[in-house]
Amino acid sequence: MKLKQLSVFLENRPGALSAPCRLLAKAGINIQTFSLADSEEFGLLRLIVADIRRAQRLLQREGFVVKVTEIVVLEVPDLPGGLATVLDALEGTGINLEYAYAFTKKHRGRGLLAFRFDKPDAAIKALKAHKIDTVGTKELFRRLEC
């Protein structure tokens, strides 16, 4: 199952991250997890929020460039080799892992990781073949509330 994330383009300057975060906070939208990457000129803030469409509209209305992209969330054992098991399931498939980031909250001793694959449907199929299940949107937010 694929989930949606927001990618927000930011100018790479001091304080640029504060504006979208304050905007979402003021609207009562909680950021469940995020990733921030940068280059010399710009930054890319990736966010997972419960109400993605509302957050997207709000950010765009305030002039932010926002893109919605698909990710795959997995629950991975929080022990040595947990991530390696996921990567082993993709070995030899030709699927590229473009980036990944983690949630700070664990669920029953297992980590929640967000992955961006170049071929998400093929990745899900390969993972399921190795008995690695994806986490859907409703299930993700239920787990984060526990």
Protein backbone atom coordinates (compact mmCIF):
# COMPACT_ATOMS: atom_id res chain seq x y z
CA MET A 1 0.00 0.00 0.00
CA LYS A 2 1.29 3.44 -0.92
CA LEU A 3 0.93 6.57 1.18
CA LYS A 4 1.18 10.22 0.23
CA GLN A 5 3.75 12.69 1.49
CA LEU A 6 4.20 16.38 0.89
CA SER A 7 7.42 17.72 -0.58
CA VAL A 8 7.82 21.42 0.13
CA PHE A 9 10.53 23.40 -1.65
CA LEU A 10 12.26 25.96 0.55
CA GLU A 11 14.89 28.57 0.00
CA ASN A 12 18.14 27.50 1.67
CA ARG A 13 18.45 30.34 4.16
CA PRO A 14 18.21 30.74 7.93
CA GLY A 15 14.62 30.58 9.17
CA ALA A 16 13.09 29.14 5.99
CA LEU A 17 11.92 25.99 7.78
CA SER A 18 10.04 27.94 10.45
CA ALA A 19 7.36 29.43 8.20
CA PRO A 20 5.73 26.20 6.94
CA CYS A 21 6.00 24.61 10.38
CA ARG A 22 4.32 27.57 12.09
CA LEU A 23 1.65 27.66 9.38
CA LEU A 24 0.76 23.99 9.90
CA ALA A 25 0.87 24.37 13.69
CA LYS A 26 -1.49 27.34 13.59
CA ALA A 27 -3.93 25.26 11.51
CA GLY A 28 -3.73 22.38 14.00
CA ILE A 29 -1.98 20.05 11.55
CA ASN A 30 0.50 17.77 13.30
CA ILE A 31 3.66 16.72 11.48
CA GLN A 32 4.02 12.99 12.13
CA THR A 33 7.52 12.80 10.68
CA PHE A 34 9.67 14.76 8.30
CA SER A 35 12.89 14.74 6.35
CA LEU A 36 14.91 17.76 5.34
CA ALA A 37 17.50 17.73 2.57
CA ASP A 38 19.39 20.62 1.12
CA SER A 39 21.52 21.80 -1.74
CA GLU A 40 23.38 25.06 -2.03
CA GLU A 41 20.31 27.00 -3.15
CA PHE A 42 17.22 25.21 -1.88
CA GLY A 43 15.92 22.76 0.68
CA LEU A 44 13.38 20.01 0.34
CA LEU A 45 11.09 19.36 3.28
CA ARG A 46 9.22 16.07 3.14
CA LEU A 47 6.26 15.72 5.50
CA ILE A 48 3.74 13.13 6.53
CA VAL A 49 0.57 14.58 8.02
CA ALA A 50 -2.90 13.13 8.59
CA ASP A 51 -4.75 15.66 6.43
CA ILE A 52 -2.46 15.91 3.43
CA ARG A 53 -4.89 17.73 1.12
CA ARG A 54 -5.64 20.42 3.69
CA ALA A 55 -1.94 20.89 4.42
CA GLN A 56 -1.16 21.07 0.71
CA ARG A 57 -3.83 23.72 0.06
CA LEU A 58 -2.74 25.75 3.08
CA LEU A 59 0.93 25.74 2.11
CA GLN A 60 0.21 26.53 -1.54
CA ARG A 61 -2.12 29.37 -0.57
CA GLU A 62 0.82 30.90 1.32
CA GLY A 63 3.07 30.67 -1.74
CA PHE A 64 4.99 27.46 -1.07
CA VAL A 65 5.75 25.12 -3.95
CA VAL A 66 4.33 21.76 -2.86
CA LYS A 67 4.31 18.39 -4.56
CA VAL A 68 2.50 15.23 -3.43
CA THR A 69 4.51 12.04 -3.90
CA GLU A 70 3.98 8.39 -3.06
CA ILE A 71 5.95 6.52 -0.44
CA VAL A 72 5.80 3.08 1.12
CA VAL A 73 5.77 2.73 4.91
CA LEU A 74 7.02 -0.45 6.51
CA GLU A 75 7.16 -1.68 10.07
CA VAL A 76 10.67 -3.06 10.58
CA PRO A 77 12.01 -4.99 13.57
CA ASP A 78 14.07 -2.63 15.72
CA LEU A 79 17.09 -4.88 16.02
CA PRO A 80 20.35 -5.46 14.17
CA GLY A 81 19.52 -6.57 10.62
CA GLY A 82 15.96 -5.18 10.57
CA LEU A 83 16.68 -2.80 7.70
CA ALA A 84 18.95 -5.33 5.98
CA THR A 85 15.97 -7.73 5.75
CA VAL A 86 14.03 -5.12 3.78
CA LEU A 87 16.96 -4.38 1.50
CA ASP A 88 17.59 -8.10 0.95
CA ALA A 89 14.00 -8.48 -0.29
CA LEU A 90 14.73 -5.93 -3.02
CA GLU A 91 18.12 -7.35 -4.01
CA GLY A 92 18.29 -8.21 -7.69
CA THR A 93 14.91 -6.64 -8.54
CA GLY A 94 16.29 -3.53 -10.24
CA ILE A 95 14.20 -1.37 -7.91
CA ASN A 96 15.99 1.75 -6.75
CA LEU A 97 15.56 3.07 -3.21
CA GLU A 98 15.67 6.83 -3.77
CA TYR A 99 15.53 7.84 -0.11
CA ALA A 100 14.17 6.77 3.25
CA TYR A 101 13.49 8.30 6.64
CA ALA A 102 12.16 7.13 9.98
CA PHE A 103 9.37 7.99 12.36
CA THR A 104 10.49 8.83 15.88
CA LYS A 105 7.74 6.75 17.45
CA LYS A 106 7.96 2.98 17.51
CA HIS A 107 5.08 0.53 17.53
CA ARG A 108 5.44 -2.53 19.74
CA GLY A 109 9.22 -2.47 19.52
CA ARG A 110 9.24 -2.08 15.77
CA GLY A 111 10.40 0.94 13.81
CA LEU A 112 8.30 2.67 11.20
CA LEU A 113 10.22 3.65 8.08
CA ALA A 114 9.15 5.63 5.02
CA PHE A 115 10.69 4.61 1.69
CA ARG A 116 10.59 6.26 -1.72
CA PHE A 117 11.14 3.73 -4.50
CA ASP A 118 11.42 4.45 -8.22
CA LYS A 119 8.93 1.61 -8.80
CA PRO A 120 6.68 1.53 -5.71
CA ASP A 121 4.24 -1.10 -6.99
CA ALA A 122 7.08 -3.48 -7.89
CA ALA A 123 8.70 -2.82 -4.52
CA ILE A 124 5.48 -3.66 -2.67
CA LYS A 125 5.17 -6.88 -4.67
CA ALA A 126 8.78 -7.86 -3.90
CA LEU A 127 8.36 -7.04 -0.20
CA LYS A 128 5.13 -9.04 0.07
CA ALA A 129 6.85 -12.01 -1.56
CA HIS A 130 9.24 -11.91 1.41
CA LYS A 131 6.34 -11.56 3.87
CA ILE A 132 7.11 -7.89 4.56
CA ASP A 133 3.87 -5.98 4.78
CA THR A 134 3.32 -2.32 4.08
CA VAL A 135 1.41 -0.05 6.44
CA GLY A 136 -1.65 1.78 5.09
CA THR A 137 -2.62 5.33 5.92
CA LYS A 138 -5.31 4.53 8.50
CA GLU A 139 -3.18 1.85 10.11
CA LEU A 140 -0.18 4.19 10.27
CA PHE A 141 -2.04 6.91 12.12
CA ARG A 142 -3.65 4.34 14.43
CA ARG A 143 -0.19 3.04 15.32
CA LEU A 144 1.15 6.52 15.90
CA GLU A 145 -1.66 7.24 18.38
CA CYS A 146 -0.83 4.21 20.55
